[in-house]
């Protein structure tokens, strides 16, 4: 009897251990699958304080960051598309056309300032990663701190490749892919890339039969009475975006200042002005009307043919995915018959 009891107990123990063994093995497998993604090395960039030359610098992640500071609105909106809103602890440069798809989520984020924010405000969010526009990674009052400075404090950085010299709209896809890896949300990254590429392909296909590439100049103006030309030399992302609508910056190789006389002599087909509506409630039509009425510019083709278009600042210099939205708006204005 005792022997049978012991045998029964022993069998129960064996069955219990077998059950636990299966459970432990499953748990171990899950842990391995979860942790095999990290440590993760991402090749990114840095530049010296006040510098202009970007150098490669690796960022090594032992796990997904938990507290994100985004230095511009477009950077924060990108993170929202990847489902990372609960990790955003601060947003700088709160201006520019909103992305309607994530506008409600964005309204709940902690905004640090309407303009560019400095290192003190950035560090005040206690971030473990700072993400965004490359030009803002500086120790100046308007900068979040250099990459080296932040890294030395134990804070990771991700400089958007679209925002550095050589960046193009294709760089946006690389940024989304990298951020998908950093936060282990690759499926959402792939889905968003697919969505953006479909929109880009739709625009380019509608404009495919336009063989003539028009020239343009950017008039960086806030005061209708003061004509100011921005050459945008070295702004590769800006130039690549406008090439989607068959526009070529007539001053792209000009390193110095561009005078009004140079503008008149170059006589571009199109003039682009920034739309500051979402920044200071100004009306771009006021600038258009002033330019059309300016006697000094009356001989220009763009003036005679009414070819002045306003584009939101963030669509031009936000270096983000939503530039495609601005390009689509511009394409519809320039070629309305092709988008009916």
Protein backbone atom coordinates (compact mmCIF):
# COMPACT_ATOMS: atom_id res chain seq x y z
CA UNK A 1 0.00 0.00 0.00
CA UNK A 2 2.76 2.36 0.99
CA UNK A 3 4.67 1.40 -2.13
CA UNK A 4 1.66 2.18 -4.30
CA UNK A 5 1.25 5.53 -2.54
CA UNK A 6 4.88 6.44 -3.12
CA UNK A 7 4.60 5.37 -6.73
CA UNK A 8 1.54 7.54 -7.12
CA UNK A 9 3.25 10.54 -5.51
CA UNK A 10 6.33 10.00 -7.64
CA UNK A 11 4.27 9.85 -10.79
CA UNK A 12 2.46 13.04 -9.82
CA UNK A 13 5.79 14.79 -9.21
CA UNK A 14 7.12 13.63 -12.57
CA UNK A 15 3.98 14.84 -14.34
CA UNK A 16 4.17 18.17 -12.50
CA UNK A 17 7.83 18.63 -13.38
CA UNK A 18 7.09 17.69 -16.96
CA UNK A 19 4.38 20.30 -17.02
CA UNK A 20 6.68 22.92 -15.49
CA UNK A 21 9.46 21.92 -17.82
CA UNK A 22 7.23 22.56 -20.81
CA UNK A 23 6.20 25.90 -19.34
CA UNK A 24 9.79 26.94 -18.58
CA UNK A 25 10.92 25.98 -22.05
CA UNK A 26 8.12 28.04 -23.62
CA UNK A 27 8.94 31.05 -21.41
CA UNK A 28 12.62 30.74 -22.21
CA UNK A 29 11.83 30.60 -25.92
CA UNK A 30 9.69 33.73 -25.65
CA UNK A 31 12.43 35.58 -23.78
CA UNK A 32 14.95 34.57 -26.43
CA UNK A 33 12.66 35.74 -29.21
CA UNK A 34 12.03 39.05 -27.42
CA UNK A 35 15.65 39.74 -26.53
CA UNK A 36 17.34 38.60 -29.71
CA UNK A 37 16.45 41.95 -31.29
CA UNK A 38 18.74 43.70 -28.80
CA UNK A 39 21.43 44.83 -28.41
CA UNK A 40 20.85 46.75 -31.62
CA UNK A 41 23.39 48.94 -33.43
CA UNK A 42 22.06 51.74 -35.63
CA UNK A 43 24.37 53.78 -37.83
CA UNK A 44 23.52 57.44 -37.41
CA UNK A 45 25.24 60.85 -37.44
CA UNK A 46 26.79 63.66 -35.44
CA UNK A 47 28.42 67.04 -36.06
CA UNK A 48 30.48 69.38 -33.96
CA UNK A 49 28.93 72.37 -32.20
CA UNK A 50 28.36 75.09 -34.77
CA UNK A 51 29.68 72.80 -37.49
CA UNK A 52 28.21 71.84 -40.86
CA UNK A 53 29.96 68.56 -41.60
CA UNK A 54 28.14 65.39 -40.60
CA UNK A 55 30.07 62.32 -39.51
CA UNK A 56 28.82 58.79 -38.94
CA UNK A 57 28.28 57.69 -35.37
CA UNK A 58 26.77 54.46 -34.09
CA UNK A 59 24.01 54.30 -31.51
CA UNK A 60 23.78 51.04 -29.54
CA UNK A 61 20.46 50.12 -27.93
CA UNK A 62 20.19 47.49 -25.21
CA UNK A 63 16.41 47.86 -25.27
CA UNK A 64 13.73 50.09 -26.75
CA UNK A 65 13.87 53.67 -25.37
CA UNK A 66 11.02 54.60 -23.05
CA UNK A 67 11.17 58.43 -22.95
CA UNK A 68 11.38 60.32 -26.26
CA UNK A 69 11.98 64.01 -26.81
CA UNK A 70 11.07 65.04 -30.40
CA UNK A 71 12.69 68.33 -31.42
CA UNK A 72 10.07 69.24 -34.06
CA UNK A 73 6.40 68.66 -34.73
CA UNK A 74 7.01 66.50 -37.85
CA UNK A 75 9.33 64.24 -35.85
CA UNK A 76 6.64 63.76 -33.19
CA UNK A 77 3.96 63.09 -35.81
CA UNK A 78 6.16 60.41 -37.38
CA UNK A 79 6.48 58.70 -33.99
CA UNK A 80 2.70 58.79 -33.59
CA UNK A 81 2.32 56.91 -36.87
CA UNK A 82 4.53 54.21 -35.36
CA UNK A 83 2.31 53.95 -32.29
CA UNK A 84 4.81 55.56 -29.92
CA UNK A 85 2.72 58.41 -28.53
CA UNK A 86 2.84 57.06 -24.97
CA UNK A 87 6.63 57.32 -25.01
CA UNK A 88 6.84 61.00 -26.09
CA UNK A 89 7.71 63.21 -23.11
CA UNK A 90 8.31 66.48 -24.96
CA UNK A 91 7.93 68.20 -28.34
CA UNK A 92 9.71 71.31 -29.58
CA UNK A 93 9.02 73.61 -32.56
CA UNK A 94 5.25 73.32 -32.34
CA UNK A 95 4.39 74.92 -35.68
CA UNK A 96 3.53 73.91 -39.20
CA UNK A 97 0.62 72.28 -41.00
CA UNK A 98 -0.88 69.51 -38.85
CA UNK A 99 -1.20 65.93 -40.01
CA UNK A 100 -4.96 65.36 -39.74
CA UNK A 101 -4.43 61.61 -39.33
CA UNK A 102 -2.72 62.06 -35.96
CA UNK A 103 -3.92 65.54 -34.98
CA UNK A 104 -6.03 64.34 -32.04
CA UNK A 105 -3.17 62.25 -30.62
CA UNK A 106 -0.74 65.12 -31.14
CA UNK A 107 -2.97 67.51 -29.16
CA UNK A 108 -2.38 65.36 -26.07
CA UNK A 109 1.43 65.51 -26.22
CA UNK A 110 3.50 67.71 -23.85
CA UNK A 111 4.55 70.73 -25.93
CA UNK A 112 7.76 72.42 -24.77
CA UNK A 113 7.44 75.53 -26.93
CA UNK A 114 6.07 76.95 -30.16
CA UNK A 115 9.60 77.68 -31.37
CA UNK A 116 12.85 75.75 -31.18
CA UNK A 117 13.72 74.69 -27.65
CA UNK A 118 17.10 74.62 -25.94
CA UNK A 119 19.08 72.01 -24.09
CA UNK A 120 17.71 72.97 -20.67
CA UNK A 121 14.12 72.35 -21.75
CA UNK A 122 15.18 69.16 -23.48
CA UNK A 123 16.95 67.75 -20.43
CA UNK A 124 14.00 68.80 -18.28
CA UNK A 125 11.96 66.02 -19.90
CA UNK A 126 14.46 63.41 -18.64
CA UNK A 127 14.66 61.71 -22.06
CA UNK A 128 16.53 58.56 -22.85
CA UNK A 129 16.52 59.48 -26.56
CA UNK A 130 16.24 62.73 -28.55
CA UNK A 131 14.93 62.41 -32.09
CA UNK A 132 14.54 64.92 -34.90
CA UNK A 133 15.97 67.51 -37.22
CA UNK A 134 19.75 67.44 -37.50
CA UNK A 135 20.29 71.19 -37.53
CA UNK A 136 18.84 71.46 -34.02
CA UNK A 137 21.44 69.16 -32.46
CA UNK A 138 23.60 71.99 -31.21
CA UNK A 139 24.55 73.55 -27.87
CA UNK A 140 23.29 76.98 -28.98
CA UNK A 141 20.25 78.51 -27.25
CA UNK A 142 17.95 77.14 -29.96
CA UNK A 143 19.52 73.65 -29.93
CA UNK A 144 18.78 70.50 -27.95
CA UNK A 145 22.50 69.82 -27.49
CA UNK A 146 25.03 68.17 -29.76
CA UNK A 147 24.91 64.43 -30.33
CA UNK A 148 28.18 63.96 -28.42
CA UNK A 149 26.97 66.10 -25.51
CA UNK A 150 23.74 64.14 -25.15
CA UNK A 151 25.44 60.76 -25.61
CA UNK A 152 27.98 61.61 -22.90
CA UNK A 153 25.04 62.17 -20.57
CA UNK A 154 23.70 58.70 -21.35
CA UNK A 155 21.00 59.95 -23.72
CA UNK A 156 20.63 58.27 -27.10
CA UNK A 157 20.09 60.34 -30.23
CA UNK A 158 18.60 59.77 -33.66
CA UNK A 159 19.29 62.45 -36.26
CA UNK A 160 16.83 62.17 -39.13
CA UNK A 161 18.85 61.26 -42.23
CA UNK A 162 16.42 63.31 -44.30
CA UNK A 163 17.61 66.45 -42.49
CA UNK A 164 21.35 66.21 -43.11
CA UNK A 165 23.33 67.18 -46.20
CA UNK A 166 22.63 64.65 -48.93
CA UNK A 167 19.21 63.75 -47.55
CA UNK A 168 16.36 63.09 -50.01
CA UNK A 169 12.75 62.01 -49.68
CA UNK A 170 13.96 58.40 -49.89
CA UNK A 171 15.84 59.13 -46.66
CA UNK A 172 12.44 59.37 -44.97
CA UNK A 173 11.89 55.69 -45.68
CA UNK A 174 15.28 54.88 -44.17
CA UNK A 175 14.41 56.90 -41.06
CA UNK A 176 11.11 55.07 -40.62
CA UNK A 177 12.86 51.74 -41.07
CA UNK A 178 15.52 52.63 -38.48
CA UNK A 179 12.99 53.90 -35.95
CA UNK A 180 10.98 50.74 -36.48
CA UNK A 181 14.05 48.76 -35.49
CA UNK A 182 14.98 50.97 -32.52
CA UNK A 183 11.52 50.61 -30.97
CA UNK A 184 10.89 47.08 -32.28
CA UNK A 185 7.80 48.13 -34.25
CA UNK A 186 8.95 46.94 -37.66
CA UNK A 187 5.47 45.92 -38.85
CA UNK A 188 4.08 49.41 -38.25
CA UNK A 189 7.12 50.92 -39.96
CA UNK A 190 6.66 48.74 -43.05
CA UNK A 191 2.97 49.55 -43.20
CA UNK A 192 3.61 53.31 -43.00
CA UNK A 193 6.35 53.16 -45.63
CA UNK A 194 3.94 51.33 -47.95
CA UNK A 195 1.30 54.01 -47.40
CA UNK A 196 3.73 56.85 -48.19
CA UNK A 197 5.15 55.15 -51.27
CA UNK A 198 1.67 54.65 -52.66
CA UNK A 199 0.98 58.37 -52.32
CA UNK A 200 4.33 59.29 -53.88
CA UNK A 201 3.78 56.90 -56.79
CA UNK A 202 0.29 58.31 -57.33
CA UNK A 203 1.67 61.86 -57.66
CA UNK A 204 4.55 60.95 -59.94
CA UNK A 205 2.34 58.82 -62.18
CA UNK A 206 -0.12 61.67 -62.68
CA UNK A 207 2.74 63.99 -63.67
CA UNK A 208 4.58 61.41 -65.76
CA UNK A 209 3.61 62.94 -69.10
CA UNK A 210 4.89 66.41 -68.19
CA UNK A 211 8.21 66.57 -70.00
CA UNK A 212 9.14 70.20 -69.33
CA UNK A 213 10.92 70.89 -66.06
CA UNK A 214 10.14 74.40 -64.86
CA UNK A 215 12.52 76.60 -62.90
CA UNK A 216 11.57 78.18 -59.59
CA UNK A 217 12.94 80.44 -56.89
CA UNK A 218 12.04 80.52 -53.20
CA UNK A 219 11.13 83.95 -51.86
CA UNK A 220 11.58 83.63 -48.12
CA UNK A 221 9.30 86.47 -47.09
CA UNK A 222 7.18 87.54 -44.15
CA UNK A 223 6.80 91.21 -45.08
CA UNK A 224 5.00 91.74 -48.43
CA UNK A 225 7.06 94.91 -48.98
CA UNK A 226 10.45 93.20 -48.70
CA UNK A 227 11.43 90.78 -51.47
CA UNK A 228 13.93 88.27 -50.09
CA UNK A 229 15.32 85.33 -52.06
CA UNK A 230 16.64 82.18 -50.37
CA UNK A 231 19.05 80.19 -52.56
CA UNK A 232 18.66 77.03 -50.45
CA UNK A 233 22.17 75.93 -51.38
CA UNK A 234 22.91 72.46 -50.01
CA UNK A 235 19.26 71.81 -49.08
CA UNK A 236 19.17 68.46 -50.85
CA UNK A 237 15.91 67.26 -49.26
CA UNK A 238 14.17 70.48 -50.32
CA UNK A 239 15.38 70.17 -53.91
CA UNK A 240 14.51 66.49 -54.18
CA UNK A 241 10.97 67.14 -52.96
CA UNK A 242 10.32 69.83 -55.56
CA UNK A 243 11.66 67.64 -58.32
CA UNK A 244 8.60 65.44 -57.72
CA UNK A 245 6.55 68.22 -59.35
CA UNK A 246 9.12 68.83 -62.10
CA UNK A 247 10.50 71.99 -60.48
CA UNK A 248 14.21 72.89 -60.42
CA UNK A 249 15.61 75.62 -58.16
CA UNK A 250 17.30 78.15 -60.41
CA UNK A 251 19.61 79.23 -57.55
CA UNK A 252 20.52 75.80 -56.15
CA UNK A 253 24.22 76.31 -56.93
CA UNK A 254 24.37 79.85 -55.57
CA UNK A 255 26.36 79.95 -52.32
CA UNK A 256 26.06 83.67 -51.64
CA UNK A 257 23.14 86.03 -51.23
CA UNK A 258 20.70 86.43 -54.08
CA UNK A 259 19.65 89.98 -54.90
CA UNK A 260 16.37 91.07 -56.43
CA UNK A 261 18.33 92.00 -59.55
CA UNK A 262 19.66 88.45 -59.80
CA UNK A 263 16.11 87.15 -59.40
CA UNK A 264 14.83 89.34 -62.23
CA UNK A 265 17.70 88.31 -64.50
CA UNK A 266 17.22 84.58 -63.78
CA UNK A 267 13.49 84.98 -64.48
CA UNK A 268 12.25 81.61 -63.13
CA UNK A 269 8.95 80.15 -64.33
CA UNK A 270 7.56 79.80 -60.81
CA UNK A 271 7.92 81.60 -57.49
CA UNK A 272 7.41 79.72 -54.20
CA UNK A 273 6.66 81.57 -50.98
CA UNK A 274 6.32 80.11 -47.47
CA UNK A 275 2.86 79.78 -46.02
CA UNK A 276 3.08 80.99 -42.40
CA UNK A 277 -0.64 80.55 -41.67
CA UNK A 278 -0.11 77.92 -38.98
CA UNK A 279 2.74 79.88 -37.41
CA UNK A 280 1.59 83.48 -37.16
CA UNK A 281 -1.83 83.52 -38.86
CA UNK A 282 -0.49 85.55 -41.79
CA UNK A 283 -2.25 85.30 -45.13
CA UNK A 284 0.00 84.19 -48.02
CA UNK A 285 -2.37 85.93 -50.44
CA UNK A 286 -1.15 89.27 -49.07
CA UNK A 287 2.39 88.43 -50.18
CA UNK A 288 1.16 87.15 -53.55
CA UNK A 289 -0.80 90.32 -54.24
CA UNK A 290 2.17 92.49 -53.24
CA UNK A 291 4.48 90.57 -55.57
CA UNK A 292 2.06 90.73 -58.48
CA UNK A 293 1.70 94.48 -57.93
CA UNK A 294 5.45 95.13 -57.52
CA UNK A 295 6.50 97.21 -60.58
CA UNK A 296 10.11 96.11 -60.24
CA UNK A 297 9.09 92.48 -60.89
CA UNK A 298 6.54 93.15 -63.62
CA UNK A 299 8.74 91.79 -66.43
CA UNK A 300 9.10 88.33 -64.85
CA UNK A 301 7.32 85.30 -66.33
CA UNK A 302 6.07 84.11 -62.95
CA UNK A 303 4.41 87.48 -62.37
CA UNK A 304 2.87 87.73 -65.84
CA UNK A 305 1.59 84.14 -65.76
CA UNK A 306 0.36 84.25 -62.15
CA UNK A 307 2.69 81.44 -61.10
CA UNK A 308 3.22 82.10 -57.38
CA UNK A 309 2.46 79.27 -54.97
CA UNK A 310 2.51 79.18 -51.17
CA UNK A 311 3.86 76.09 -49.37
CA UNK A 312 3.81 75.53 -45.60
CA UNK A 313 7.25 75.92 -44.02
CA UNK A 314 7.23 72.40 -42.55
CA UNK A 315 6.50 70.87 -45.95
CA UNK A 316 9.69 72.52 -47.22
CA UNK A 317 12.03 72.41 -44.23
CA UNK A 318 10.46 69.96 -41.79
CA UNK A 319 12.47 67.16 -43.40
CA UNK A 320 9.65 64.75 -42.72
CA UNK A 321 7.28 62.27 -44.28
CA UNK A 322 4.49 64.87 -44.55
CA UNK A 323 6.43 66.81 -47.18
CA UNK A 324 4.61 64.51 -49.59
CA UNK A 325 1.33 66.12 -48.47
CA UNK A 326 2.66 69.57 -49.35
CA UNK A 327 3.95 68.35 -52.70
CA UNK A 328 0.55 66.82 -53.46
CA UNK A 329 -1.19 70.11 -52.64
CA UNK A 330 1.27 72.00 -54.86
CA UNK A 331 0.87 69.51 -57.72
CA UNK A 332 -2.92 69.90 -57.61
CA UNK A 333 -2.60 73.70 -57.70
CA UNK A 334 -0.15 73.67 -60.62
CA UNK A 335 -1.87 70.92 -62.63
CA UNK A 336 -5.52 70.76 -61.50
CA UNK A 337 -6.68 68.94 -64.66
CA UNK A 338 -4.41 65.98 -63.89
CA UNK A 339 -5.99 65.43 -60.46
CA UNK A 340 -9.67 65.48 -61.35
